[in-house]
Amino acid sequence: MPALIGYFKYMDEKMKGIENKYRSRDYEVQIRFPEFTCLCPMTSQPDFAEITIRYIPDNLIVELKSLKFYLNSFRNKGIFHEEAVNRILDDFKAAISPRRVEVVGKFNVRGGIHTTVSAEWPRKE
């Protein structure tokens, strides 16, 4: 039973922000998470992806440990690729309030189909 303790720990994790000491300038942060996993809501089969987050911070930067736990919380969720990427974007925006953020999910081939989903805020005009 002790092996399940870690599993429950990661459910509904939240991202946390820390102070951006260089908020007077624009700079871009890029984070790659090559081990993203979720479940297909139709078949319950695992989906694997690389998630890339690019953002320009404002008052906060993302605390990476909290981001890792947050992304790992998708491991046992049934969610479509498009919903996963857009939910990550919305949650990142709510937690960090960046000047700009883009989330890209490159999902591995399954059933002969490769999917890449991109979402950004604010939207380019």
C-alpha atoms as a PDB file:
ATOM      1  CA  MET A   1       0.000   0.000   0.000  1.00  0.00           C
ATOM      2  CA  PRO A   2       2.799   2.600   0.570  1.00  0.00           C
ATOM      3  CA  ALA A   3       3.398   2.773  -3.203  1.00  0.00           C
ATOM      4  CA  LEU A   4      -0.016   4.443  -3.645  1.00  0.00           C
ATOM      5  CA  ILE A   5       0.794   7.373  -1.362  1.00  0.00           C
ATOM      6  CA  GLY A   6       2.847   9.109  -4.086  1.00  0.00           C
ATOM      7  CA  TYR A   7       0.069   8.522  -6.618  1.00  0.00           C
ATOM      8  CA  PHE A   8      -2.518  10.403  -4.572  1.00  0.00           C
ATOM      9  CA  LYS A   9      -0.069  13.185  -3.760  1.00  0.00           C
ATOM     10  CA  TYR A  10      -0.038  14.367  -7.394  1.00  0.00           C
ATOM     11  CA  MET A  11      -3.780  14.683  -7.889  1.00  0.00           C
ATOM     12  CA  ASP A  12      -4.947  18.281  -8.470  1.00  0.00           C
ATOM     13  CA  GLU A  13      -1.518  19.862  -8.066  1.00  0.00           C
ATOM     14  CA  LYS A  14      -1.321  23.631  -8.547  1.00  0.00           C
ATOM     15  CA  MET A  15       1.415  25.695 -10.143  1.00  0.00           C
ATOM     16  CA  LYS A  16       3.106  28.253  -7.942  1.00  0.00           C
ATOM     17  CA  GLY A  17       4.846  31.481  -8.835  1.00  0.00           C
ATOM     18  CA  ILE A  18       7.916  33.119  -7.342  1.00  0.00           C
ATOM     19  CA  GLU A  19       9.062  36.724  -7.619  1.00  0.00           C
ATOM     20  CA  ASN A  20      10.536  37.822 -10.939  1.00  0.00           C
ATOM     21  CA  LYS A  21      13.513  39.996 -10.047  1.00  0.00           C
ATOM     22  CA  TYR A  22      13.895  41.180 -13.664  1.00  0.00           C
ATOM     23  CA  ARG A  23      10.361  42.350 -14.387  1.00  0.00           C
ATOM     24  CA  SER A  24      11.638  45.645 -15.801  1.00  0.00           C
ATOM     25  CA  ARG A  25      12.661  43.846 -18.995  1.00  0.00           C
ATOM     26  CA  ASP A  26      11.088  41.388 -21.387  1.00  0.00           C
ATOM     27  CA  TYR A  27      12.816  38.024 -21.608  1.00  0.00           C
ATOM     28  CA  GLU A  28      11.557  34.656 -22.744  1.00  0.00           C
ATOM     29  CA  VAL A  29      11.604  31.445 -20.732  1.00  0.00           C
ATOM     30  CA  GLN A  30      11.204  28.113 -22.519  1.00  0.00           C
ATOM     31  CA  ILE A  31      10.413  24.948 -20.586  1.00  0.00           C
ATOM     32  CA  ARG A  32      10.325  21.481 -22.171  1.00  0.00           C
ATOM     33  CA  PHE A  33       8.550  18.580 -20.485  1.00  0.00           C
ATOM     34  CA  PRO A  34       9.265  15.535 -22.701  1.00  0.00           C
ATOM     35  CA  GLU A  35       7.528  13.021 -20.420  1.00  0.00           C
ATOM     36  CA  PHE A  36       3.920  14.275 -20.428  1.00  0.00           C
ATOM     37  CA  THR A  37       1.358  11.500 -20.127  1.00  0.00           C
ATOM     38  CA  CYS A  38      -2.426  11.481 -20.094  1.00  0.00           C
ATOM     39  CA  LEU A  39      -5.153   9.012 -21.044  1.00  0.00           C
ATOM     40  CA  CYS A  40      -7.360   8.940 -24.109  1.00  0.00           C
ATOM     41  CA  PRO A  41     -10.890   9.609 -22.806  1.00  0.00           C
ATOM     42  CA  MET A  42     -12.373   7.269 -25.434  1.00  0.00           C
ATOM     43  CA  THR A  43     -10.139   4.208 -24.996  1.00  0.00           C
ATOM     44  CA  SER A  44      -8.277   4.835 -21.708  1.00  0.00           C
ATOM     45  CA  GLN A  45      -5.044   4.110 -23.599  1.00  0.00           C
ATOM     46  CA  PRO A  46      -2.028   6.228 -22.606  1.00  0.00           C
ATOM     47  CA  ASP A  47      -1.034   9.221 -24.702  1.00  0.00           C
ATOM     48  CA  PHE A  48       2.544  10.513 -24.548  1.00  0.00           C
ATOM     49  CA  ALA A  49       3.671  13.990 -25.521  1.00  0.00           C
ATOM     50  CA  GLU A  50       6.303  16.653 -25.212  1.00  0.00           C
ATOM     51  CA  ILE A  51       4.874  19.834 -23.735  1.00  0.00           C
ATOM     52  CA  THR A  52       6.748  23.084 -24.384  1.00  0.00           C
ATOM     53  CA  ILE A  53       5.853  26.272 -22.546  1.00  0.00           C
ATOM     54  CA  ARG A  54       7.299  29.594 -23.733  1.00  0.00           C
ATOM     55  CA  TYR A  55       6.459  32.681 -21.757  1.00  0.00           C
ATOM     56  CA  ILE A  56       7.475  36.250 -21.018  1.00  0.00           C
ATOM     57  CA  PRO A  57       7.166  36.748 -17.264  1.00  0.00           C
ATOM     58  CA  ASP A  58       5.644  39.746 -15.555  1.00  0.00           C
ATOM     59  CA  ASN A  59       5.721  39.873 -11.739  1.00  0.00           C
ATOM     60  CA  LEU A  60       6.117  36.097 -11.280  1.00  0.00           C
ATOM     61  CA  ILE A  61       8.079  33.203 -12.744  1.00  0.00           C
ATOM     62  CA  VAL A  62       6.874  29.626 -12.466  1.00  0.00           C
ATOM     63  CA  GLU A  63       8.366  27.494  -9.705  1.00  0.00           C
ATOM     64  CA  LEU A  64       9.571  24.447 -11.655  1.00  0.00           C
ATOM     65  CA  LYS A  65       8.923  21.773  -9.021  1.00  0.00           C
ATOM     66  CA  SER A  66       5.272  22.825  -8.759  1.00  0.00           C
ATOM     67  CA  LEU A  67       5.031  22.831 -12.580  1.00  0.00           C
ATOM     68  CA  LYS A  68       6.456  19.296 -12.725  1.00  0.00           C
ATOM     69  CA  PHE A  69       3.936  18.027 -10.155  1.00  0.00           C
ATOM     70  CA  TYR A  70       1.126  19.849 -11.967  1.00  0.00           C
ATOM     71  CA  LEU A  71       2.021  18.298 -15.337  1.00  0.00           C
ATOM     72  CA  ASN A  72       2.398  14.858 -13.747  1.00  0.00           C
ATOM     73  CA  SER A  73      -1.138  15.190 -12.364  1.00  0.00           C
ATOM     74  CA  PHE A  74      -2.469  14.581 -15.905  1.00  0.00           C
ATOM     75  CA  ARG A  75      -1.026  11.054 -15.895  1.00  0.00           C
ATOM     76  CA  ASN A  76      -4.300   9.343 -15.018  1.00  0.00           C
ATOM     77  CA  LYS A  77      -6.767  11.855 -16.470  1.00  0.00           C
ATOM     78  CA  GLY A  78      -8.861  11.056 -19.505  1.00  0.00           C
ATOM     79  CA  ILE A  79      -8.459  14.188 -21.641  1.00  0.00           C
ATOM     80  CA  PHE A  80      -8.310  15.066 -25.339  1.00  0.00           C
ATOM     81  CA  HIS A  81      -5.057  16.544 -26.666  1.00  0.00           C
ATOM     82  CA  GLU A  82      -6.657  19.893 -27.461  1.00  0.00           C
ATOM     83  CA  GLU A  83      -8.223  20.155 -24.021  1.00  0.00           C
ATOM     84  CA  ALA A  84      -4.967  19.247 -22.254  1.00  0.00           C
ATOM     85  CA  VAL A  85      -2.971  21.985 -24.012  1.00  0.00           C
ATOM     86  CA  ASN A  86      -5.658  24.623 -23.494  1.00  0.00           C
ATOM     87  CA  ARG A  87      -6.117  23.678 -19.831  1.00  0.00           C
ATOM     88  CA  ILE A  88      -2.353  23.964 -19.241  1.00  0.00           C
ATOM     89  CA  LEU A  89      -2.415  27.412 -20.872  1.00  0.00           C
ATOM     90  CA  ASP A  90      -5.392  28.581 -18.785  1.00  0.00           C
ATOM     91  CA  ASP A  91      -3.922  27.264 -15.530  1.00  0.00           C
ATOM     92  CA  PHE A  92      -0.490  28.756 -16.295  1.00  0.00           C
ATOM     93  CA  LYS A  93      -2.059  32.111 -17.088  1.00  0.00           C
ATOM     94  CA  ALA A  94      -4.117  32.049 -13.869  1.00  0.00           C
ATOM     95  CA  ALA A  95      -1.168  31.058 -11.664  1.00  0.00           C
ATOM     96  CA  ILE A  96       1.639  33.192 -13.131  1.00  0.00           C
ATOM     97  CA  SER A  97      -0.080  36.058 -15.016  1.00  0.00           C
ATOM     98  CA  PRO A  98       2.654  36.288 -17.664  1.00  0.00           C
ATOM     99  CA  ARG A  99       2.876  39.031 -20.276  1.00  0.00           C
ATOM    100  CA  ARG A 100       2.672  36.318 -22.928  1.00  0.00           C
ATOM    101  CA  VAL A 101       2.520  32.516 -22.937  1.00  0.00           C
ATOM    102  CA  GLU A 102       2.412  29.762 -25.549  1.00  0.00           C
ATOM    103  CA  VAL A 103       1.888  26.060 -24.867  1.00  0.00           C
ATOM    104  CA  VAL A 104       2.670  23.436 -27.511  1.00  0.00           C
ATOM    105  CA  GLY A 105       1.868  19.750 -27.152  1.00  0.00           C
ATOM    106  CA  LYS A 106       3.538  17.350 -29.586  1.00  0.00           C
ATOM    107  CA  PHE A 107       1.726  14.060 -29.073  1.00  0.00           C
ATOM    108  CA  ASN A 108       3.342  10.801 -30.118  1.00  0.00           C
ATOM    109  CA  VAL A 109       1.952   8.763 -32.987  1.00  0.00           C
ATOM    110  CA  ARG A 110      -0.930   6.512 -32.022  1.00  0.00           C
ATOM    111  CA  GLY A 111      -3.083   4.734 -34.554  1.00  0.00           C
ATOM    112  CA  GLY A 112      -0.993   6.262 -37.331  1.00  0.00           C
ATOM    113  CA  ILE A 113      -1.825   9.855 -36.329  1.00  0.00           C
ATOM    114  CA  HIS A 114       0.570  12.471 -34.948  1.00  0.00           C
ATOM    115  CA  THR A 115      -1.003  15.508 -33.298  1.00  0.00           C
ATOM    116  CA  THR A 116       0.515  18.903 -32.455  1.00  0.00           C
ATOM    117  CA  VAL A 117      -1.634  21.405 -30.577  1.00  0.00           C
ATOM    118  CA  SER A 118      -0.610  25.042 -29.943  1.00  0.00           C
ATOM    119  CA  ALA A 119      -2.387  27.638 -27.822  1.00  0.00           C
ATOM    120  CA  GLU A 120      -1.219  31.128 -26.884  1.00  0.00           C
ATOM    121  CA  TRP A 121      -2.232  34.176 -24.916  1.00  0.00           C
ATOM    122  CA  PRO A 122      -2.631  36.921 -25.800  1.00  0.00           C
ATOM    123  CA  ARG A 123      -3.684  35.863 -29.256  1.00  0.00           C
ATOM    124  CA  LYS A 124      -1.585  37.270 -32.104  1.00  0.00           C
ATOM    125  CA  GLU A 125      -3.534  39.741 -34.213  1.00  0.00           C
END
